[in-house]
Amino acid sequence: MKTHILGFSRIGAQRELKKALESYWSGQSHQHQLEEVGQSLRQRHWQAQIDAGLDIITVGDFAFYDHVLNHSLRFGVIPKRFGDEQKADNLDLSFRLARGRAPTGTDAAACEMTKWFDTNYHYLVPELEQDQRFSFADKRLLAEVKEAKQLNHPLKVVLIGPLTYLWLSKTYGQAFDKLELLDNLLPVYAQIFNELMALGVNYIQIDEPILSLDLPNAWQAAFERAYNRLQRRDLQLLLTTYFAPLNENLHLACHLPVAGLHIDVLRSGKEWQQVLDILPDYKVLSLGVVDGRNIWRNSLAQSQQLLQQAQQKLGDRLWIASSCSLLHVPVDLANEQKLPTEIKDCFAFAIQKLAEISTLKQAVLNPHSPLVEQLIAQNNAAYQLLNQSTHWRQVAVQQRVQALTEQDSQRQSAFAERAIVQQQHLKLPLLATTTIGSFPQTSEIRRARAAFKQGLLNEQAYEQAMQQEIQQAIQYQEQIDLDVLVHGEAERNDMVEYFGEQLQGFVFSSNGWVQSYGSRCVKPPIIVGDVSRPQAMTVKWASYAQQQSQKPVKGMLTGPVTMLAWSFARTDISREQIALQLALAIRDEVSDLAQAGIHIIQIDEPAFREGLPLRQSEQANYWRWAVRAFRISASGVDNHVQIHTHMCYSEFNDCIEHIAAMDADVITIETARSAMELLNAFEAFDYPNAIGPGVYDIHSPQIPSVEAIKKLLNKAGQAIDKQRLWVNPDCGLKTRQWPEVKQALTNMVQATKELRAEWS
């Protein structure tokens, strides 16, 4: 019996990787210093696995930016626009693929970025061509294996499987079936296997999470062909799946010619019992019983019972693991000093989850040992204390959700009638320009916010500082002649955390950082109880901003589905119930904003597509309650109030009808990185409302030219009625610098004015 994890967080408990990356990108440090930070983090995380008592550490999960991008470099999958220069410096090349820019090399359009399955982690989409050639081009992985070997760590290497890599890729240029490239890719895997074996590697974890999707027959058949070619008698391949049940792929996964199978017990129900019945007798079964997606403490007694049943069948062929990589949870609960004790005792971050895995092995081998019995008792007592707390359970909130009717999710009139009323009221020009909401979070803003939280700045002084930032933001937008303004969100730390801090039912970590992409880290709020809004959250700031201008200023809110998706949610009630509680809280804020004279209100839902279950059989129910939750949040206002929403960095082409069902008056949506690929959806679906497809990529430091923006807008104008077309960046501008923002928005407004003249 062995214990292991599928992967670990890369960023460090204090976000060391983020700081090192941004220092290197800005020219404040050298590449060798960045490499030293990477090595330190890898070795620290390996040692944490050893210290926790795991039998095998995982190597190959570290990435300076993204693990899918690592594989593209490894396979030599470099889009032609990046040229041949600087290929010797693959680290900088990876940054140019991800950001469009690096300390060395020539700028080029960054690769598309989208969500990793149904998580809030973003990966860089590989770009494949019909004549794509693969090679073992980047051997950084071998160096990391040697590094771990020198430390005498027992290890396995993790790779994304060939079918999943191809599935996650996109084809460019001439249309073709990317599955045709499989036979060209498999020899590279074979070469990697050979070189890993030469280094003494015995175990390879090969991730094929697409086995948890509804796969076409051709892809199912390709698994047998691929793994028959990749099988080795002298190399143990552990095939890993996660995030959803195997369903019709269960028999296939169990009988592929590999040494073992990993399944995500937390997200596949009772499927592990079916696997016990059909898995060949020679294979290992790794059961992911410790949740890699949430921070709640493991139910040790329940997991012990499950694992004992499995061990009776498998004996030493049972492996105990995390459900998926621990990339999706914060690093160490020990760094949290401010959480209430009754709450903190119910949590486990990555370091604590390592200990849980080791404890579960002892719970199976020595179920009646005093230590195991003590830990189980502590576990039960922690949850009992939380569940008995009346502070976190609000009967009034539960009753309000139960009282919801169909009318609560309906606007006064259909969009066509609302649009006439809104245009008469707002008097906006053709191709109305706006931004998504946030402006750069400068060091001055962060210092003022930190001083206020620490009690070093009183409330009056803090408000004055934020009002000054709002004044400057409004003045700048008026100078460049934007049509719909924003207040810039200087007072906000994060689009979810900011609201969660003002809602009942949330608690917050101090250092619970999780990687979203590259150096971007988020600190998800934690929903532990019923959610309600004690008082208005944004009205004061929005009203002040509106007083500074005759132009409309948008109220900026985060929607209920995104609030849920980007939080660590309680698990004792359904996600639907949590979403409805959040929807009612946001609805109250929308009503208060409208009454205060804010007549354009944006309810952001970037995670709307992200929360979609991977299995088609479960998707209709999700769309039902997700659309309903948004509509409830938006439907408490009169026709003249214009409701916007924003979405980004997910695949939206397959859910455009559900986006339409949300019935937002205007949707702003990310499209620049994919060159307006989303517009393909409009060829088959007549989207009825207004839309602002993003005209430039805000995650790249590159400044878009007027001509580039006009080109994208002309493309959009061919697919969307020009009267319903808005102009905006892809996403918020929080992470950018003011010089970039000013030039980019100036170019955006100039491009719009030129097109208005051409289209009139």
Foldseek 3Di string as FASTA:
>chain_A
DFEEAFAEAQQDLQSLLLVLVVCQQVPNDDPVVSVVSNLVSVVVVLVLLVVLPGQAYEAQRYDLFASLLVVCLQFVQQDCQQPDPPNVVVVQVSCCQAFQGGPDGHGDQHAAWFDDFLALAIHGAGEDEPPDATARRDVVRVVRLVVVVVVVGHYEYEDAALLQSQVSHDYDDDDDDSVVCSVRCLVRVLVVVVSVVVVVHAEYEYEDQCLQFDDDPVSLVVQQVSLVVNADPRHAYEYEYAQAANVVCLLVQLPRRGQEYEAQCVHYPPVVVVSLVRRDLRHAYEYAQAELAFWFDGLLVVLLVVVLVSCVSNPVSYYYYHSHHNLNWNDALVVFDPDPPLVSLGTHHDSRSSNSRVLSVCCNVPVPDPVNVVVNVSNVVSVVVLVPDPQFEDPVLVVVLVPDDPLLLDAPDALVVLVVLQCVVQVADQQAEEAFAAAAQDPVLVVLLVCPVVVNADPVRSVVVLLVQQLVQLVLCVVLPHQEYYSRPSNDDDQQVLVLVQKRQWDFGPSTWHDSTNSDIDGAIEGSHQIAGPDARCQVSLLSSCVSDPHAYEAEHEALVCSLSRHNYDDPDDSLSSLQSRLVRLLVNLVVNVVSPRQEYEHEDQSLVSNARSYPVPRVVSLVSSLSSLSSSVRPDHSNRAYEYEYERHDCLVPLVSVLSNSHQEYEAEDCSVLNPSLVSLVVPVRDHAYEYAQEELSHLDADALVSSLVSVVVVVVRHPSNRYYYYHRHHNHNYDVVSVSRNVSSRSVSVVVVVVVVD
